[in-house]
C-alpha atoms as a PDB file:
ATOM      1  CA  MET A   1      29.018  51.600 -31.609  1.00  0.00           C
ATOM      2  CA  LEU A   2      30.597  48.830 -29.556  1.00  0.00           C
ATOM      3  CA  ILE A   3      31.255  46.665 -32.593  1.00  0.00           C
ATOM      4  CA  ASP A   4      33.172  49.521 -34.224  1.00  0.00           C
ATOM      5  CA  GLU A   5      35.217  49.986 -31.067  1.00  0.00           C
ATOM      6  CA  THR A   6      36.028  46.276 -30.700  1.00  0.00           C
ATOM      7  CA  MET A   7      36.599  45.383 -34.374  1.00  0.00           C
ATOM      8  CA  PRO A   8      36.908  48.378 -36.696  1.00  0.00           C
ATOM      9  CA  THR A   9      38.558  46.309 -39.449  1.00  0.00           C
ATOM     10  CA  TYR A  10      37.416  42.842 -40.458  1.00  0.00           C
ATOM     11  CA  ASP A  11      37.487  40.218 -43.196  1.00  0.00           C
ATOM     12  CA  ALA A  12      33.803  39.249 -43.168  1.00  0.00           C
ATOM     13  CA  SER A  13      30.601  40.843 -41.947  1.00  0.00           C
ATOM     14  CA  GLU A  14      26.935  39.936 -41.794  1.00  0.00           C
ATOM     15  CA  THR A  15      24.063  42.170 -40.653  1.00  0.00           C
ATOM     16  CA  HIS A  16      20.391  41.462 -40.000  1.00  0.00           C
ATOM     17  CA  SER A  17      17.644  43.641 -38.510  1.00  0.00           C
ATOM     18  CA  ARG A  18      14.010  43.442 -37.522  1.00  0.00           C
ATOM     19  CA  VAL A  19      11.333  45.954 -36.611  1.00  0.00           C
ATOM     20  CA  VAL A  20       9.742  45.165 -33.244  1.00  0.00           C
ATOM     21  CA  ASN A  21       6.330  46.435 -32.164  1.00  0.00           C
ATOM     22  CA  ALA A  22       7.550  46.873 -28.608  1.00  0.00           C
ATOM     23  CA  GLY A  23       9.689  49.462 -26.913  1.00  0.00           C
ATOM     24  CA  VAL A  24      13.442  49.467 -26.548  1.00  0.00           C
ATOM     25  CA  SER A  25      13.331  48.466 -22.849  1.00  0.00           C
ATOM     26  CA  THR A  26      11.008  45.507 -23.425  1.00  0.00           C
ATOM     27  CA  THR A  27      13.022  44.349 -26.429  1.00  0.00           C
ATOM     28  CA  TRP A  28      16.305  44.657 -24.499  1.00  0.00           C
ATOM     29  CA  GLU A  29      14.955  42.590 -21.604  1.00  0.00           C
ATOM     30  CA  THR A  30      13.717  39.980 -24.076  1.00  0.00           C
ATOM     31  CA  LEU A  31      17.157  39.788 -25.718  1.00  0.00           C
ATOM     32  CA  LEU A  32      18.748  39.122 -22.327  1.00  0.00           C
ATOM     33  CA  ALA A  33      16.131  36.561 -21.231  1.00  0.00           C
ATOM     34  CA  LEU A  34      15.601  34.561 -24.442  1.00  0.00           C
ATOM     35  CA  ARG A  35      15.957  30.777 -24.047  1.00  0.00           C
ATOM     36  CA  PRO A  36      16.684  28.020 -26.593  1.00  0.00           C
ATOM     37  CA  GLU A  37      13.066  26.870 -26.772  1.00  0.00           C
ATOM     38  CA  ASP A  38      12.181  30.318 -28.131  1.00  0.00           C
ATOM     39  CA  ILE A  39      14.240  29.529 -31.271  1.00  0.00           C
ATOM     40  CA  PRO A  40      13.526  25.939 -32.396  1.00  0.00           C
ATOM     41  CA  VAL A  41      15.666  26.115 -35.557  1.00  0.00           C
ATOM     42  CA  ALA A  42      18.632  27.420 -33.557  1.00  0.00           C
ATOM     43  CA  ARG A  43      18.483  24.367 -31.321  1.00  0.00           C
ATOM     44  CA  LEU A  44      18.745  22.133 -34.381  1.00  0.00           C
ATOM     45  CA  LEU A  45      21.619  24.159 -35.865  1.00  0.00           C
ATOM     46  CA  PHE A  46      23.530  24.207 -32.547  1.00  0.00           C
ATOM     47  CA  THR A  47      23.132  20.425 -32.327  1.00  0.00           C
ATOM     48  CA  LEU A  48      24.418  19.999 -35.878  1.00  0.00           C
ATOM     49  CA  ARG A  49      27.403  22.266 -35.084  1.00  0.00           C
ATOM     50  CA  SER A  50      28.193  20.019 -32.089  1.00  0.00           C
ATOM     51  CA  LEU A  51      28.311  16.791 -34.122  1.00  0.00           C
ATOM     52  CA  PRO A  52      31.928  17.132 -35.329  1.00  0.00           C
ATOM     53  CA  GLY A  53      33.073  17.596 -31.732  1.00  0.00           C
ATOM     54  CA  LEU A  54      31.122  14.545 -30.636  1.00  0.00           C
ATOM     55  CA  VAL A  55      32.622  12.481 -33.475  1.00  0.00           C
ATOM     56  CA  ALA A  56      36.080  13.677 -32.423  1.00  0.00           C
ATOM     57  CA  GLY A  57      35.349  12.502 -28.859  1.00  0.00           C
ATOM     58  CA  ARG A  58      35.160  15.969 -27.288  1.00  0.00           C
ATOM     59  CA  ASP A  59      32.714  17.076 -24.660  1.00  0.00           C
ATOM     60  CA  VAL A  60      30.102  19.373 -26.117  1.00  0.00           C
ATOM     61  CA  LEU A  61      28.093  21.836 -24.125  1.00  0.00           C
ATOM     62  CA  PRO A  62      24.438  20.791 -24.234  1.00  0.00           C
ATOM     63  CA  VAL A  63      21.714  23.255 -25.164  1.00  0.00           C
ATOM     64  CA  ARG A  64      20.072  23.861 -21.795  1.00  0.00           C
ATOM     65  CA  SER A  65      16.491  25.043 -21.458  1.00  0.00           C
ATOM     66  CA  ASP A  66      17.153  26.378 -17.942  1.00  0.00           C
ATOM     67  CA  ALA A  67      19.716  28.951 -19.114  1.00  0.00           C
ATOM     68  CA  THR A  68      19.476  31.942 -21.420  1.00  0.00           C
ATOM     69  CA  LEU A  69      20.962  31.794 -24.888  1.00  0.00           C
ATOM     70  CA  LEU A  70      23.427  34.539 -24.013  1.00  0.00           C
ATOM     71  CA  SER A  71      24.683  32.662 -20.940  1.00  0.00           C
ATOM     72  CA  GLN A  72      25.087  29.520 -23.043  1.00  0.00           C
ATOM     73  CA  PHE A  73      27.082  31.432 -25.640  1.00  0.00           C
ATOM     74  CA  GLN A  74      29.326  32.646 -22.819  1.00  0.00           C
ATOM     75  CA  SER A  75      29.677  29.088 -21.490  1.00  0.00           C
ATOM     76  CA  GLY A  76      30.747  28.106 -25.004  1.00  0.00           C
ATOM     77  CA  GLY A  77      33.630  30.584 -25.067  1.00  0.00           C
ATOM     78  CA  PHE A  78      32.124  33.961 -25.923  1.00  0.00           C
ATOM     79  CA  CYS A  79      33.227  36.838 -23.701  1.00  0.00           C
ATOM     80  CA  GLU A  80      31.213  39.980 -23.155  1.00  0.00           C
ATOM     81  CA  LEU A  81      33.094  42.822 -24.810  1.00  0.00           C
ATOM     82  CA  GLY A  82      30.699  45.566 -23.818  1.00  0.00           C
ATOM     83  CA  ARG A  83      27.163  46.414 -22.765  1.00  0.00           C
ATOM     84  CA  ARG A  84      25.280  49.709 -22.939  1.00  0.00           C
ATOM     85  CA  PRO A  85      21.779  48.985 -21.618  1.00  0.00           C
ATOM     86  CA  PRO A  86      19.280  49.163 -23.206  1.00  0.00           C
ATOM     87  CA  VAL A  87      20.824  49.738 -26.611  1.00  0.00           C
ATOM     88  CA  GLU A  88      23.992  47.684 -27.211  1.00  0.00           C
ATOM     89  CA  LEU A  89      25.640  44.383 -26.407  1.00  0.00           C
ATOM     90  CA  ALA A  90      28.805  42.923 -27.960  1.00  0.00           C
ATOM     91  CA  LEU A  91      30.235  39.423 -27.500  1.00  0.00           C
ATOM     92  CA  GLY A  92      33.547  38.095 -28.787  1.00  0.00           C
ATOM     93  CA  LEU A  93      34.912  34.662 -29.618  1.00  0.00           C
ATOM     94  CA  VAL A  94      38.349  33.467 -30.683  1.00  0.00           C
ATOM     95  CA  GLY A  95      38.844  30.176 -32.457  1.00  0.00           C
ATOM     96  CA  ARG A  96      39.566  28.090 -35.476  1.00  0.00           C
ATOM     97  CA  PHE A  97      35.926  27.918 -36.442  1.00  0.00           C
ATOM     98  CA  TRP A  98      36.668  25.877 -39.569  1.00  0.00           C
ATOM     99  CA  THR A  99      38.086  22.925 -37.569  1.00  0.00           C
ATOM    100  CA  LEU A 100      36.073  19.994 -36.192  1.00  0.00           C
ATOM    101  CA  GLY A 101      36.131  21.194 -32.595  1.00  0.00           C
ATOM    102  CA  GLY A 102      36.075  24.891 -33.411  1.00  0.00           C
ATOM    103  CA  GLY A 103      39.417  25.521 -31.690  1.00  0.00           C
ATOM    104  CA  VAL A 104      37.863  28.000 -29.272  1.00  0.00           C
ATOM    105  CA  VAL A 105      40.327  29.839 -27.034  1.00  0.00           C
ATOM    106  CA  ALA A 106      38.952  31.252 -23.783  1.00  0.00           C
ATOM    107  CA  VAL A 107      39.946  34.910 -23.542  1.00  0.00           C
ATOM    108  CA  SER A 108      39.073  37.920 -21.445  1.00  0.00           C
ATOM    109  CA  PRO A 109      37.856  41.108 -23.140  1.00  0.00           C
ATOM    110  CA  ALA A 110      41.362  42.597 -22.858  1.00  0.00           C
ATOM    111  CA  GLU A 111      42.930  39.429 -24.290  1.00  0.00           C
ATOM    112  CA  PHE A 112      40.377  39.431 -27.112  1.00  0.00           C
ATOM    113  CA  ALA A 113      41.428  42.899 -28.234  1.00  0.00           C
ATOM    114  CA  ALA A 114      45.110  41.933 -28.322  1.00  0.00           C
ATOM    115  CA  PHE A 115      44.768  38.366 -29.664  1.00  0.00           C
ATOM    116  CA  ASP A 116      46.940  37.891 -32.751  1.00  0.00           C
ATOM    117  CA  ARG A 117      48.175  34.279 -32.585  1.00  0.00           C
ATOM    118  CA  PRO A 118      48.583  32.979 -36.160  1.00  0.00           C
ATOM    119  CA  GLY A 119      46.036  30.467 -37.420  1.00  0.00           C
ATOM    120  CA  TYR A 120      42.991  31.862 -35.609  1.00  0.00           C
ATOM    121  CA  ALA A 121      40.115  34.254 -36.154  1.00  0.00           C
ATOM    122  CA  ARG A 122      38.325  36.648 -33.840  1.00  0.00           C
ATOM    123  CA  ALA A 123      34.561  37.120 -34.145  1.00  0.00           C
ATOM    124  CA  VAL A 124      32.322  39.819 -32.695  1.00  0.00           C
ATOM    125  CA  MET A 125      28.549  39.456 -32.489  1.00  0.00           C
ATOM    126  CA  SER A 126      26.642  42.569 -31.530  1.00  0.00           C
ATOM    127  CA  PHE A 127      23.064  43.562 -30.919  1.00  0.00           C
ATOM    128  CA  SER A 128      21.921  47.174 -31.137  1.00  0.00           C
ATOM    129  CA  LEU A 129      18.501  48.682 -30.571  1.00  0.00           C
ATOM    130  CA  SER A 130      17.098  52.008 -31.689  1.00  0.00           C
ATOM    131  CA  GLY A 131      13.661  53.530 -31.443  1.00  0.00           C
ATOM    132  CA  THR A 132      11.161  54.548 -28.819  1.00  0.00           C
ATOM    133  CA  GLU A 133       8.966  52.937 -26.223  1.00  0.00           C
ATOM    134  CA  ASP A 134       6.333  52.374 -28.934  1.00  0.00           C
ATOM    135  CA  GLY A 135       8.537  50.437 -31.307  1.00  0.00           C
ATOM    136  CA  CYS A 136      12.135  49.791 -32.214  1.00  0.00           C
ATOM    137  CA  THR A 137      14.529  48.134 -34.578  1.00  0.00           C
ATOM    138  CA  ILE A 138      16.904  45.466 -33.329  1.00  0.00           C
ATOM    139  CA  ARG A 139      19.995  44.796 -35.388  1.00  0.00           C
ATOM    140  CA  THR A 140      22.628  42.115 -35.136  1.00  0.00           C
ATOM    141  CA  GLU A 141      25.996  42.291 -36.813  1.00  0.00           C
ATOM    142  CA  THR A 142      28.736  39.701 -36.891  1.00  0.00           C
ATOM    143  CA  ARG A 143      32.299  40.542 -37.918  1.00  0.00           C
ATOM    144  CA  VAL A 144      35.230  38.196 -38.275  1.00  0.00           C
ATOM    145  CA  GLN A 145      38.915  39.034 -38.551  1.00  0.00           C
ATOM    146  CA  ALA A 146      41.554  36.387 -39.231  1.00  0.00           C
ATOM    147  CA  THR A 147      44.998  36.682 -37.677  1.00  0.00           C
ATOM    148  CA  ASP A 148      46.865  35.723 -40.849  1.00  0.00           C
ATOM    149  CA  ASP A 149      46.388  34.821 -44.523  1.00  0.00           C
ATOM    150  CA  ALA A 150      46.167  31.060 -43.936  1.00  0.00           C
ATOM    151  CA  ALA A 151      43.424  31.508 -41.334  1.00  0.00           C
ATOM    152  CA  ARG A 152      41.632  33.965 -43.628  1.00  0.00           C
ATOM    153  CA  THR A 153      41.629  31.416 -46.466  1.00  0.00           C
ATOM    154  CA  SER A 154      40.373  28.640 -44.162  1.00  0.00           C
ATOM    155  CA  PHE A 155      37.687  30.849 -42.696  1.00  0.00           C
ATOM    156  CA  ARG A 156      36.417  31.965 -46.107  1.00  0.00           C
ATOM    157  CA  ARG A 157      36.072  28.339 -47.278  1.00  0.00           C
ATOM    158  CA  TYR A 158      34.215  27.488 -44.055  1.00  0.00           C
ATOM    159  CA  TRP A 159      31.996  30.582 -44.312  1.00  0.00           C
ATOM    160  CA  ARG A 160      30.849  29.722 -47.865  1.00  0.00           C
ATOM    161  CA  VAL A 161      29.221  26.603 -46.399  1.00  0.00           C
ATOM    162  CA  ILE A 162      28.253  27.744 -42.896  1.00  0.00           C
ATOM    163  CA  GLY A 163      27.408  31.405 -43.560  1.00  0.00           C
ATOM    164  CA  PRO A 164      23.831  30.842 -44.767  1.00  0.00           C
ATOM    165  CA  PHE A 165      23.036  28.728 -41.681  1.00  0.00           C
ATOM    166  CA  SER A 166      24.635  31.292 -39.407  1.00  0.00           C
ATOM    167  CA  GLY A 167      22.492  33.980 -41.021  1.00  0.00           C
ATOM    168  CA  LEU A 168      19.388  31.847 -40.584  1.00  0.00           C
ATOM    169  CA  THR A 169      20.179  31.446 -36.878  1.00  0.00           C
ATOM    170  CA  ARG A 170      20.528  35.207 -36.408  1.00  0.00           C
ATOM    171  CA  ARG A 171      17.340  35.978 -38.340  1.00  0.00           C
ATOM    172  CA  GLU A 172      15.464  33.419 -36.246  1.00  0.00           C
ATOM    173  CA  TRP A 173      16.964  34.906 -33.086  1.00  0.00           C
ATOM    174  CA  LEU A 174      15.647  38.344 -34.100  1.00  0.00           C
ATOM    175  CA  ARG A 175      12.255  36.845 -35.016  1.00  0.00           C
ATOM    176  CA  ALA A 176      12.021  35.213 -31.586  1.00  0.00           C
ATOM    177  CA  ILE A 177      13.023  38.431 -29.805  1.00  0.00           C
ATOM    178  CA  ALA A 178      10.327  40.335 -31.717  1.00  0.00           C
ATOM    179  CA  SER A 179       7.693  37.676 -31.056  1.00  0.00           C
ATOM    180  CA  VAL A 180       8.350  37.431 -27.300  1.00  0.00           C
ATOM    181  CA  ALA A 181       8.748  41.205 -26.857  1.00  0.00           C
ATOM    182  CA  GLU A 182       5.503  41.899 -28.740  1.00  0.00           C
ATOM    183  CA  GLU A 183       3.639  39.325 -26.617  1.00  0.00           C
ATOM    184  CA  THR A 184       5.014  40.951 -23.464  1.00  0.00           C
ATOM    185  CA  ASN A 185       4.166  44.472 -24.622  1.00  0.00           C
END
């Protein structure tokens, strides 16, 4: 799987899945086309995540209804690490997620693989689909690997607070994909 190729070892991992009563192709297209209004709770959580940056006087990317969620993630610093239509997609992000502004570093896929600057963490978010044209399972997995012990400690403290909300966002994302795909089917 792409996530295994891009981050075989990691410090933290979270996995969620959902059965979809629609085929792999329909579900894949829904994943690519989903917009913020399809996930109301995600909009709220993204806004809350932006507040520290606003307080610190940084520009924050707005949640735009005219762009897909995936394109907005890429505008926010995620790079596409791999795509195997219609079954896999992996995105990567480098940053200091535990800081007010997130400390995101824009990297290419090649730079992501080699990134080892102390004080940062690399995160991979993947989606994988399996099944038939009658129904499928969509799975998301997130893995994080810190570049050093200090970053690992900071990330783990951050994740104890943020992890449940991150999981909620991913579960809601899967729920929205299933709902839209099943309506389309």
